[in-house]
Amino acid sequence: VQLQASGGGVVQAGGSLRLSCAASGRTGSMTYMAWFRQAPGKEREFVAGIRRSVGSTYYVDSVKGRFLISRDSAKNTVYLQMNSVNVDDTAVYYCASDRTWYSGGWPSESRQYSYWGQGTLVTVSS
């Protein structure tokens, strides 16, 4: 599976941006698609995730109500719509996927994802 993230750039605080993650290869076996981000000097953190088959979603508290993750199955693409961004959203954003199904909760740790895109930089200016 190959993942290609795009859509990053510079956006003013309060503005919006949409990231895309195009998947190719054996994508049919993937259970979860997710977005992570890593700010300078900080660890990579989970942002949002979606289950490919049923479309259920999960968000970290800091982006709930502002970000929306969605998928276009026909295009094998996952999106992250970022609204009302603030300077704390500045980071490199990575898309990730994995085929393992977790019964005990949403997989939100980096180690739980096997496939990663190259990252796209989002800079929020004040």
Protein backbone atom coordinates (compact mmCIF):
# COMPACT_ATOMS: atom_id res chain seq x y z
CA VAL A 1 0.00 0.00 0.00
CA GLN A 2 1.27 3.44 -0.93
CA LEU A 3 -0.08 6.65 0.54
CA GLN A 4 0.36 10.10 -0.97
CA ALA A 5 -0.58 13.09 1.18
CA SER A 6 -1.14 16.53 -0.29
CA GLY A 7 -2.88 19.82 0.35
CA GLY A 8 -0.68 21.42 2.96
CA GLY A 9 0.28 25.07 2.88
CA VAL A 10 0.09 28.33 4.75
CA VAL A 11 -3.29 29.39 6.12
CA GLN A 12 -4.32 32.23 8.39
CA ALA A 13 -5.70 31.54 11.82
CA GLY A 14 -9.43 31.01 11.57
CA GLY A 15 -9.17 29.80 8.01
CA SER A 16 -9.68 26.41 6.37
CA LEU A 17 -7.61 23.87 4.51
CA ARG A 18 -8.31 20.43 3.07
CA LEU A 19 -5.74 17.66 3.06
CA SER A 20 -5.95 14.64 0.79
CA CYS A 21 -4.46 11.17 1.08
CA ALA A 22 -4.52 9.06 -2.07
CA ALA A 23 -4.02 5.34 -1.52
CA SER A 24 -2.83 2.83 -4.07
CA GLY A 25 -1.92 -0.85 -4.09
CA ARG A 26 -3.79 -3.43 -2.01
CA THR A 27 -6.05 -0.90 -0.37
CA GLY A 28 -8.99 -3.29 -0.12
CA SER A 29 -7.47 -4.97 2.91
CA MET A 30 -7.10 -1.73 4.86
CA THR A 31 -9.40 -1.34 7.87
CA TYR A 32 -8.39 2.05 9.20
CA MET A 33 -7.21 5.26 7.60
CA ALA A 34 -5.96 8.03 9.86
CA TRP A 35 -4.28 11.38 10.06
CA PHE A 36 -1.45 12.09 12.46
CA ARG A 37 0.54 15.26 12.94
CA GLN A 38 3.90 16.19 14.33
CA ALA A 39 4.72 19.71 15.45
CA PRO A 40 8.33 20.88 15.82
CA GLY A 41 9.88 19.42 18.95
CA LYS A 42 6.84 17.30 19.74
CA GLU A 43 5.88 13.68 19.32
CA ARG A 44 3.64 12.53 16.53
CA GLU A 45 0.01 12.56 17.63
CA PHE A 46 -3.22 11.08 16.34
CA VAL A 47 -5.65 13.59 14.84
CA ALA A 48 -8.53 11.70 13.22
CA GLY A 49 -9.38 8.29 11.85
CA ILE A 50 -11.99 6.58 9.71
CA ARG A 51 -12.94 2.96 9.16
CA ARG A 52 -12.94 2.29 5.45
CA SER A 53 -15.86 -0.12 5.33
CA VAL A 54 -18.44 1.58 7.54
CA GLY A 55 -17.20 5.16 7.63
CA SER A 56 -17.17 5.51 11.40
CA THR A 57 -14.86 8.25 12.62
CA TYR A 58 -12.83 9.22 15.66
CA TYR A 59 -11.15 12.48 16.61
CA VAL A 60 -8.72 13.71 19.18
CA ASP A 61 -10.44 16.16 21.53
CA SER A 62 -8.46 19.18 20.35
CA VAL A 63 -9.93 19.03 16.83
CA LYS A 64 -13.47 17.88 17.53
CA GLY A 65 -15.98 20.21 15.95
CA ARG A 66 -13.29 21.80 13.75
CA PHE A 67 -11.88 18.98 11.62
CA LEU A 68 -13.77 16.47 9.53
CA ILE A 69 -12.36 13.25 8.12
CA SER A 70 -14.09 11.67 5.15
CA ARG A 71 -13.44 9.16 2.40
CA ASP A 72 -14.17 8.73 -1.28
CA SER A 73 -14.06 4.99 -1.84
CA ALA A 74 -14.22 5.30 -5.62
CA LYS A 75 -11.06 7.42 -5.59
CA ASN A 76 -9.35 5.54 -2.73
CA THR A 77 -8.84 8.90 -1.10
CA VAL A 78 -9.28 10.15 2.44
CA TYR A 79 -9.69 13.82 3.25
CA LEU A 80 -9.13 15.95 6.30
CA GLN A 81 -11.15 19.16 6.22
CA MET A 82 -9.57 21.57 8.67
CA ASN A 83 -11.72 24.51 9.77
CA SER A 84 -11.16 27.28 12.31
CA VAL A 85 -7.48 26.46 12.40
CA ASN A 86 -5.21 28.00 15.01
CA VAL A 87 -1.45 28.23 15.46
CA ASP A 88 -1.45 25.02 17.50
CA ASP A 89 -2.49 23.15 14.35
CA THR A 90 0.85 23.95 12.71
CA ALA A 91 2.56 20.63 12.01
CA VAL A 92 3.53 18.10 9.40
CA TYR A 93 0.45 16.00 8.75
CA TYR A 94 0.79 12.34 7.88
CA CYS A 95 -1.78 9.89 6.63
CA ALA A 96 -1.56 6.31 7.75
CA SER A 97 -3.39 3.04 7.31
CA ASP A 98 -3.53 -0.47 8.69
CA ARG A 99 -5.48 -3.65 8.12
CA THR A 100 -5.71 -4.81 11.75
CA TRP A 101 -9.14 -4.56 13.36
CA TYR A 102 -9.18 -3.52 17.02
CA SER A 103 -12.11 -4.54 19.18
CA GLY A 104 -11.06 -2.66 22.28
CA GLY A 105 -11.13 0.89 21.01
CA TRP A 106 -9.85 3.09 18.27
CA PRO A 107 -6.18 2.65 17.29
CA SER A 108 -4.60 6.01 18.00
CA GLU A 109 -0.92 5.18 18.40
CA SER A 110 1.65 5.44 15.64
CA ARG A 111 2.85 1.88 16.24
CA GLN A 112 -0.60 0.58 15.32
CA TYR A 113 -0.27 1.72 11.71
CA SER A 114 1.89 -0.09 9.18
CA TYR A 115 1.64 2.22 6.17
CA TRP A 116 2.52 5.90 6.07
CA GLY A 117 2.49 8.72 3.59
CA GLN A 118 5.32 11.21 3.26
CA GLY A 119 3.71 14.09 5.18
CA THR A 120 2.46 17.50 4.17
CA LEU A 121 3.28 20.70 6.05
CA VAL A 122 0.52 22.90 7.42
CA THR A 123 1.53 26.30 8.74
CA VAL A 124 -1.03 28.48 10.47
CA SER A 125 -0.10 32.14 10.61
CA SER A 126 -1.44 34.55 13.19
